């Protein structure tokens, strides 16, 4: 549990003053943050992204209806 809290804390902090639901905003921001982190995680990944050989995309899976909301 502590590692989950540590992982999402920056997203929660980033959206704490935004309008709307904090939970929904934090989930969306966490996806955006992780896409950015993965895109530059290693020299191999960042080079592939820069060359257009790889695209890292994010989505939010909704348990309620099984749909994925793409975040971009």
PDB file of N, CA and C in Angstrom:
ATOM      1  N   UNK A   1       0.800  -1.189   0.000  1.00  0.00           N
ATOM      2  CA  UNK A   1       0.000   0.000   0.000  1.00  0.00           C
ATOM      3  C   UNK A   1       0.852   1.266   0.000  1.00  0.00           C
ATOM      4  N   UNK A   2       1.901   1.329   0.820  1.00  0.00           N
ATOM      5  CA  UNK A   2       2.716   2.552   0.820  1.00  0.00           C
ATOM      6  C   UNK A   2       3.299   2.883  -0.551  1.00  0.00           C
ATOM      7  N   UNK A   3       3.692   1.872  -1.306  1.00  0.00           N
ATOM      8  CA  UNK A   3       4.265   2.150  -2.628  1.00  0.00           C
ATOM      9  C   UNK A   3       3.199   2.694  -3.586  1.00  0.00           C
ATOM     10  N   UNK A   4       1.963   2.256  -3.447  1.00  0.00           N
ATOM     11  CA  UNK A   4       0.881   2.801  -4.272  1.00  0.00           C
ATOM     12  C   UNK A   4       0.629   4.264  -3.935  1.00  0.00           C
ATOM     13  N   UNK A   5       0.604   4.568  -2.654  1.00  0.00           N
ATOM     14  CA  UNK A   5       0.390   5.946  -2.216  1.00  0.00           C
ATOM     15  C   UNK A   5       1.538   6.827  -2.708  1.00  0.00           C
ATOM     16  N   UNK A   6       2.749   6.351  -2.563  1.00  0.00           N
ATOM     17  CA  UNK A   6       3.914   7.100  -3.019  1.00  0.00           C
ATOM     18  C   UNK A   6       3.853   7.336  -4.525  1.00  0.00           C
ATOM     19  N   UNK A   7       3.376   6.348  -5.268  1.00  0.00           N
ATOM     20  CA  UNK A   7       3.312   6.459  -6.720  1.00  0.00           C
ATOM     21  C   UNK A   7       2.288   7.462  -7.213  1.00  0.00           C
ATOM     22  N   UNK A   8       1.168   7.569  -6.550  1.00  0.00           N
ATOM     23  CA  UNK A   8       0.100   8.461  -7.031  1.00  0.00           C
ATOM     24  C   UNK A   8       0.121   9.834  -6.348  1.00  0.00           C
ATOM     25  N   UNK A   9       0.887   9.986  -5.282  1.00  0.00           N
ATOM     26  CA  UNK A   9       0.925  11.254  -4.540  1.00  0.00           C
ATOM     27  C   UNK A   9       1.267  12.462  -5.416  1.00  0.00           C
ATOM     28  N   UNK A  10       2.241  12.384  -6.328  1.00  0.00           N
ATOM     29  CA  UNK A  10       2.528  13.554  -7.159  1.00  0.00           C
ATOM     30  C   UNK A  10       1.336  13.983  -8.026  1.00  0.00           C
ATOM     31  N   UNK A  11       0.575  13.038  -8.515  1.00  0.00           N
ATOM     32  CA  UNK A  11      -0.597  13.364  -9.330  1.00  0.00           C
ATOM     33  C   UNK A  11      -1.664  14.042  -8.482  1.00  0.00           C
ATOM     34  N   UNK A  12      -1.874  13.535  -7.273  1.00  0.00           N
ATOM     35  CA  UNK A  12      -2.867  14.133  -6.380  1.00  0.00           C
ATOM     36  C   UNK A  12      -2.460  15.561  -6.039  1.00  0.00           C
ATOM     37  N   UNK A  13      -1.194  15.757  -5.743  1.00  0.00           N
ATOM     38  CA  UNK A  13      -0.702  17.096  -5.409  1.00  0.00           C
ATOM     39  C   UNK A  13      -0.860  18.040  -6.603  1.00  0.00           C
ATOM     40  N   UNK A  14      -0.580  17.549  -7.798  1.00  0.00           N
ATOM     41  CA  UNK A  14      -0.650  18.382  -8.996  1.00  0.00           C
ATOM     42  C   UNK A  14      -2.062  18.870  -9.294  1.00  0.00           C
ATOM     43  N   UNK A  15      -3.069  18.100  -8.919  1.00  0.00           N
ATOM     44  CA  UNK A  15      -4.454  18.460  -9.261  1.00  0.00           C
ATOM     45  C   UNK A  15      -5.255  18.973  -8.073  1.00  0.00           C
ATOM     46  N   UNK A  16      -4.634  19.089  -6.935  1.00  0.00           N
ATOM     47  CA  UNK A  16      -5.379  19.426  -5.718  1.00  0.00           C
ATOM     48  C   UNK A  16      -6.111  20.759  -5.802  1.00  0.00           C
ATOM     49  N   UNK A  17      -5.658  21.675  -6.610  1.00  0.00           N
ATOM     50  CA  UNK A  17      -6.301  22.987  -6.721  1.00  0.00           C
ATOM     51  C   UNK A  17      -7.160  23.118  -7.977  1.00  0.00           C
ATOM     52  N   UNK A  18      -7.280  22.058  -8.760  1.00  0.00           N
ATOM     53  CA  UNK A  18      -8.068  22.100  -9.991  1.00  0.00           C
ATOM     54  C   UNK A  18      -9.555  21.937  -9.686  1.00  0.00           C
ATOM     55  N   UNK A  19     -10.352  22.501 -10.566  1.00  0.00           N
ATOM     56  CA  UNK A  19     -11.804  22.320 -10.454  1.00  0.00           C
ATOM     57  C   UNK A  19     -12.162  20.892 -10.818  1.00  0.00           C
ATOM     58  N   UNK A  20     -13.280  20.424 -10.328  1.00  0.00           N
ATOM     59  CA  UNK A  20     -13.738  19.074 -10.640  1.00  0.00           C
ATOM     60  C   UNK A  20     -13.370  18.109  -9.538  1.00  0.00           C
ATOM     61  N   UNK A  21     -13.631  16.846  -9.809  1.00  0.00           N
ATOM     62  CA  UNK A  21     -13.376  15.809  -8.820  1.00  0.00           C
ATOM     63  C   UNK A  21     -11.903  15.505  -8.675  1.00  0.00           C
ATOM     64  N   UNK A  22     -11.418  15.553  -7.452  1.00  0.00           N
ATOM     65  CA  UNK A  22      -9.997  15.298  -7.198  1.00  0.00           C
ATOM     66  C   UNK A  22      -9.605  13.889  -7.620  1.00  0.00           C
ATOM     67  N   UNK A  23     -10.435  12.906  -7.336  1.00  0.00           N
ATOM     68  CA  UNK A  23     -10.106  11.530  -7.688  1.00  0.00           C
ATOM     69  C   UNK A  23      -9.974  11.364  -9.195  1.00  0.00           C
ATOM     70  N   UNK A  24     -10.957  11.813  -9.943  1.00  0.00           N
ATOM     71  CA  UNK A  24     -10.917  11.690 -11.403  1.00  0.00           C
ATOM     72  C   UNK A  24      -9.728  12.454 -11.982  1.00  0.00           C
ATOM     73  N   UNK A  25      -9.487  13.645 -11.465  1.00  0.00           N
ATOM     74  CA  UNK A  25      -8.356  14.446 -11.948  1.00  0.00           C
ATOM     75  C   UNK A  25      -7.030  13.775 -11.634  1.00  0.00           C
ATOM     76  N   UNK A  26      -6.910  13.191 -10.445  1.00  0.00           N
ATOM     77  CA  UNK A  26      -5.666  12.528 -10.049  1.00  0.00           C
ATOM     78  C   UNK A  26      -5.426  11.270 -10.880  1.00  0.00           C
ATOM     79  N   UNK A  27      -6.468  10.523 -11.165  1.00  0.00           N
ATOM     80  CA  UNK A  27      -6.327   9.325 -12.000  1.00  0.00           C
ATOM     81  C   UNK A  27      -5.814   9.718 -13.373  1.00  0.00           C
ATOM     82  N   UNK A  28      -6.445  10.724 -13.967  1.00  0.00           N
ATOM     83  CA  UNK A  28      -6.038  11.200 -15.298  1.00  0.00           C
ATOM     84  C   UNK A  28      -4.588  11.706 -15.280  1.00  0.00           C
ATOM     85  N   UNK A  29      -4.240  12.496 -14.262  1.00  0.00           N
ATOM     86  CA  UNK A  29      -2.874  13.031 -14.168  1.00  0.00           C
ATOM     87  C   UNK A  29      -1.863  11.911 -13.968  1.00  0.00           C
ATOM     88  N   UNK A  30      -2.220  10.898 -13.204  1.00  0.00           N
ATOM     89  CA  UNK A  30      -1.323   9.760 -12.995  1.00  0.00           C
ATOM     90  C   UNK A  30      -1.038   9.045 -14.309  1.00  0.00           C
ATOM     91  N   UNK A  31      -2.048   8.892 -15.143  1.00  0.00           N
ATOM     92  CA  UNK A  31      -1.848   8.271 -16.460  1.00  0.00           C
ATOM     93  C   UNK A  31      -0.909   9.132 -17.303  1.00  0.00           C
ATOM     94  N   UNK A  32      -1.155  10.426 -17.333  1.00  0.00           N
ATOM     95  CA  UNK A  32      -0.306  11.347 -18.103  1.00  0.00           C
ATOM     96  C   UNK A  32       1.147  11.276 -17.615  1.00  0.00           C
ATOM     97  N   UNK A  33       1.335  11.284 -16.305  1.00  0.00           N
ATOM     98  CA  UNK A  33       2.677  11.216 -15.723  1.00  0.00           C
ATOM     99  C   UNK A  33       3.380   9.918 -16.096  1.00  0.00           C
ATOM    100  N   UNK A  34       2.654   8.802 -16.049  1.00  0.00           N
ATOM    101  CA  UNK A  34       3.268   7.518 -16.351  1.00  0.00           C
ATOM    102  C   UNK A  34       3.575   7.345 -17.832  1.00  0.00           C
ATOM    103  N   UNK A  35       2.759   7.906 -18.701  1.00  0.00           N
ATOM    104  CA  UNK A  35       3.064   7.881 -20.134  1.00  0.00           C
ATOM    105  C   UNK A  35       4.366   8.643 -20.379  1.00  0.00           C
ATOM    106  N   UNK A  36       4.500   9.809 -19.773  1.00  0.00           N
ATOM    107  CA  UNK A  36       5.730  10.595 -19.928  1.00  0.00           C
ATOM    108  C   UNK A  36       6.935   9.844 -19.373  1.00  0.00           C
ATOM    109  N   UNK A  37       6.757   9.216 -18.217  1.00  0.00           N
ATOM    110  CA  UNK A  37       7.847   8.467 -17.586  1.00  0.00           C
ATOM    111  C   UNK A  37       8.274   7.282 -18.456  1.00  0.00           C
ATOM    112  N   UNK A  38       7.300   6.543 -18.994  1.00  0.00           N
ATOM    113  CA  UNK A  38       7.625   5.391 -19.833  1.00  0.00           C
ATOM    114  C   UNK A  38       8.270   5.805 -21.151  1.00  0.00           C
ATOM    115  N   UNK A  39       7.839   6.928 -21.697  1.00  0.00           N
ATOM    116  CA  UNK A  39       8.375   7.392 -22.981  1.00  0.00           C
ATOM    117  C   UNK A  39       9.850   7.725 -22.904  1.00  0.00           C
ATOM    118  N   UNK A  40      10.322   8.056 -21.718  1.00  0.00           N
ATOM    119  CA  UNK A  40      11.732   8.416 -21.561  1.00  0.00           C
ATOM    120  C   UNK A  40      12.447   7.527 -20.553  1.00  0.00           C
ATOM    121  N   UNK A  41      11.897   6.358 -20.287  1.00  0.00           N
ATOM    122  CA  UNK A  41      12.425   5.480 -19.237  1.00  0.00           C
ATOM    123  C   UNK A  41      13.845   4.985 -19.514  1.00  0.00           C
ATOM    124  N   UNK A  42      14.140   4.677 -20.747  1.00  0.00           N
ATOM    125  CA  UNK A  42      15.463   4.186 -21.112  1.00  0.00           C
ATOM    126  C   UNK A  42      15.869   4.819 -22.435  1.00  0.00           C
ATOM    127  N   UNK A  43      17.157   4.831 -22.731  1.00  0.00           N
ATOM    128  CA  UNK A  43      17.592   5.381 -24.020  1.00  0.00           C
ATOM    129  C   UNK A  43      16.948   4.657 -25.212  1.00  0.00           C
ATOM    130  N   UNK A  44      16.737   3.366 -25.086  1.00  0.00           N
ATOM    131  CA  UNK A  44      16.138   2.596 -26.183  1.00  0.00           C
ATOM    132  C   UNK A  44      14.698   3.043 -26.416  1.00  0.00           C
ATOM    133  N   UNK A  45      13.930   3.174 -25.332  1.00  0.00           N
ATOM    134  CA  UNK A  45      12.538   3.609 -25.472  1.00  0.00           C
ATOM    135  C   UNK A  45      12.443   5.035 -25.979  1.00  0.00           C
ATOM    136  N   UNK A  46      13.224   5.935 -25.402  1.00  0.00           N
ATOM    137  CA  UNK A  46      13.134   7.336 -25.822  1.00  0.00           C
ATOM    138  C   UNK A  46      13.564   7.498 -27.273  1.00  0.00           C
ATOM    139  N   UNK A  47      14.557   6.752 -27.719  1.00  0.00           N
ATOM    140  CA  UNK A  47      14.977   6.818 -29.123  1.00  0.00           C
ATOM    141  C   UNK A  47      13.871   6.302 -30.042  1.00  0.00           C
ATOM    142  N   UNK A  48      13.241   5.213 -29.661  1.00  0.00           N
ATOM    143  CA  UNK A  48      12.159   4.653 -30.474  1.00  0.00           C
ATOM    144  C   UNK A  48      10.980   5.620 -30.555  1.00  0.00           C
ATOM    145  N   UNK A  49      10.677   6.297 -29.465  1.00  0.00           N
ATOM    146  CA  UNK A  49       9.599   7.289 -29.470  1.00  0.00           C
ATOM    147  C   UNK A  49       9.969   8.448 -30.386  1.00  0.00           C
ATOM    148  N   UNK A  50      11.191   8.952 -30.261  1.00  0.00           N
ATOM    149  CA  UNK A  50      11.649  10.074 -31.079  1.00  0.00           C
ATOM    150  C   UNK A  50      11.649   9.734 -32.562  1.00  0.00           C
ATOM    151  N   UNK A  51      11.966   8.497 -32.901  1.00  0.00           N
ATOM    152  CA  UNK A  51      12.020   8.069 -34.301  1.00  0.00           C
ATOM    153  C   UNK A  51      10.649   7.671 -34.840  1.00  0.00           C
ATOM    154  N   UNK A  52       9.648   7.710 -34.009  1.00  0.00           N
ATOM    155  CA  UNK A  52       8.304   7.350 -34.438  1.00  0.00           C
ATOM    156  C   UNK A  52       8.077   5.853 -34.570  1.00  0.00           C
ATOM    157  N   UNK A  53       8.976   5.060 -34.011  1.00  0.00           N
ATOM    158  CA  UNK A  53       8.844   3.604 -34.066  1.00  0.00           C
ATOM    159  C   UNK A  53       7.987   3.063 -32.916  1.00  0.00           C
ATOM    160  N   UNK A  54       7.815   3.872 -31.905  1.00  0.00           N
ATOM    161  CA  UNK A  54       7.067   3.463 -30.721  1.00  0.00           C
ATOM    162  C   UNK A  54       6.203   4.627 -30.260  1.00  0.00           C
ATOM    163  N   UNK A  55       4.988   4.317 -29.874  1.00  0.00           N
ATOM    164  CA  UNK A  55       4.112   5.326 -29.305  1.00  0.00           C
ATOM    165  C   UNK A  55       3.587   4.793 -27.978  1.00  0.00           C
ATOM    166  N   UNK A  56       3.771   5.556 -26.935  1.00  0.00           N
ATOM    167  CA  UNK A  56       3.274   5.181 -25.619  1.00  0.00           C
ATOM    168  C   UNK A  56       1.976   5.957 -25.398  1.00  0.00           C
ATOM    169  N   UNK A  57       0.910   5.242 -25.160  1.00  0.00           N
ATOM    170  CA  UNK A  57      -0.394   5.878 -24.958  1.00  0.00           C
ATOM    171  C   UNK A  57      -0.948   5.454 -23.604  1.00  0.00           C
ATOM    172  N   UNK A  58      -1.826   6.265 -23.086  1.00  0.00           N
ATOM    173  CA  UNK A  58      -2.414   5.966 -21.785  1.00  0.00           C
ATOM    174  C   UNK A  58      -3.914   5.832 -21.883  1.00  0.00           C
ATOM    175  N   UNK A  59      -4.462   5.073 -20.975  1.00  0.00           N
ATOM    176  CA  UNK A  59      -5.898   4.906 -20.929  1.00  0.00           C
ATOM    177  C   UNK A  59      -6.358   4.603 -19.514  1.00  0.00           C
ATOM    178  N   UNK A  60      -7.623   4.869 -19.285  1.00  0.00           N
ATOM    179  CA  UNK A  60      -8.236   4.577 -17.993  1.00  0.00           C
ATOM    180  C   UNK A  60      -9.309   3.521 -18.228  1.00  0.00           C
ATOM    181  N   UNK A  61      -9.127   2.368 -17.609  1.00  0.00           N
ATOM    182  CA  UNK A  61     -10.088   1.276 -17.745  1.00  0.00           C
ATOM    183  C   UNK A  61     -11.204   1.477 -16.735  1.00  0.00           C
ATOM    184  N   UNK A  62     -12.422   1.466 -17.206  1.00  0.00           N
ATOM    185  CA  UNK A  62     -13.595   1.653 -16.354  1.00  0.00           C
ATOM    186  C   UNK A  62     -14.200   0.291 -16.013  1.00  0.00           C
ATOM    187  N   UNK A  63     -14.068  -0.124 -14.780  1.00  0.00           N
ATOM    188  CA  UNK A  63     -14.613  -1.412 -14.345  1.00  0.00           C
ATOM    189  C   UNK A  63     -16.122  -1.488 -14.539  1.00  0.00           C
ATOM    190  N   UNK A  64     -16.798  -0.380 -14.337  1.00  0.00           N
ATOM    191  CA  UNK A  64     -18.262  -0.338 -14.403  1.00  0.00           C
ATOM    192  C   UNK A  64     -18.803  -0.858 -15.729  1.00  0.00           C
ATOM    193  N   UNK A  65     -18.157  -0.480 -16.851  1.00  0.00           N
ATOM    194  CA  UNK A  65     -18.691  -0.874 -18.144  1.00  0.00           C
ATOM    195  C   UNK A  65     -17.661  -1.517 -19.074  1.00  0.00           C
ATOM    196  N   UNK A  66     -16.443  -1.708 -18.599  1.00  0.00           N
ATOM    197  CA  UNK A  66     -15.411  -2.360 -19.393  1.00  0.00           C
ATOM    198  C   UNK A  66     -14.843  -1.506 -20.509  1.00  0.00           C
ATOM    199  N   UNK A  67     -15.107  -0.236 -20.482  1.00  0.00           N
ATOM    200  CA  UNK A  67     -14.584   0.657 -21.522  1.00  0.00           C
ATOM    201  C   UNK A  67     -13.243   1.260 -21.112  1.00  0.00           C
ATOM    202  N   UNK A  68     -12.486   1.649 -22.119  1.00  0.00           N
ATOM    203  CA  UNK A  68     -11.215   2.313 -21.877  1.00  0.00           C
ATOM    204  C   UNK A  68     -11.317   3.740 -22.410  1.00  0.00           C
ATOM    205  N   UNK A  69     -11.039   4.700 -21.554  1.00  0.00           N
ATOM    206  CA  UNK A  69     -10.994   6.106 -21.952  1.00  0.00           C
ATOM    207  C   UNK A  69      -9.538   6.436 -22.260  1.00  0.00           C
ATOM    208  N   UNK A  70      -9.264   6.765 -23.502  1.00  0.00           N
ATOM    209  CA  UNK A  70      -7.895   7.097 -23.895  1.00  0.00           C
ATOM    210  C   UNK A  70      -7.554   8.485 -23.361  1.00  0.00           C
ATOM    211  N   UNK A  71      -6.337   8.615 -22.859  1.00  0.00           N
ATOM    212  CA  UNK A  71      -5.865   9.874 -22.315  1.00  0.00           C
ATOM    213  C   UNK A  71      -4.699  10.332 -23.179  1.00  0.00           C
ATOM    214  N   UNK A  72      -4.805  11.534 -23.673  1.00  0.00           N
ATOM    215  CA  UNK A  72      -3.732  11.991 -24.561  1.00  0.00           C
ATOM    216  C   UNK A  72      -3.484  13.430 -24.554  1.00  0.00           C
TER     217      UNK A  72
END
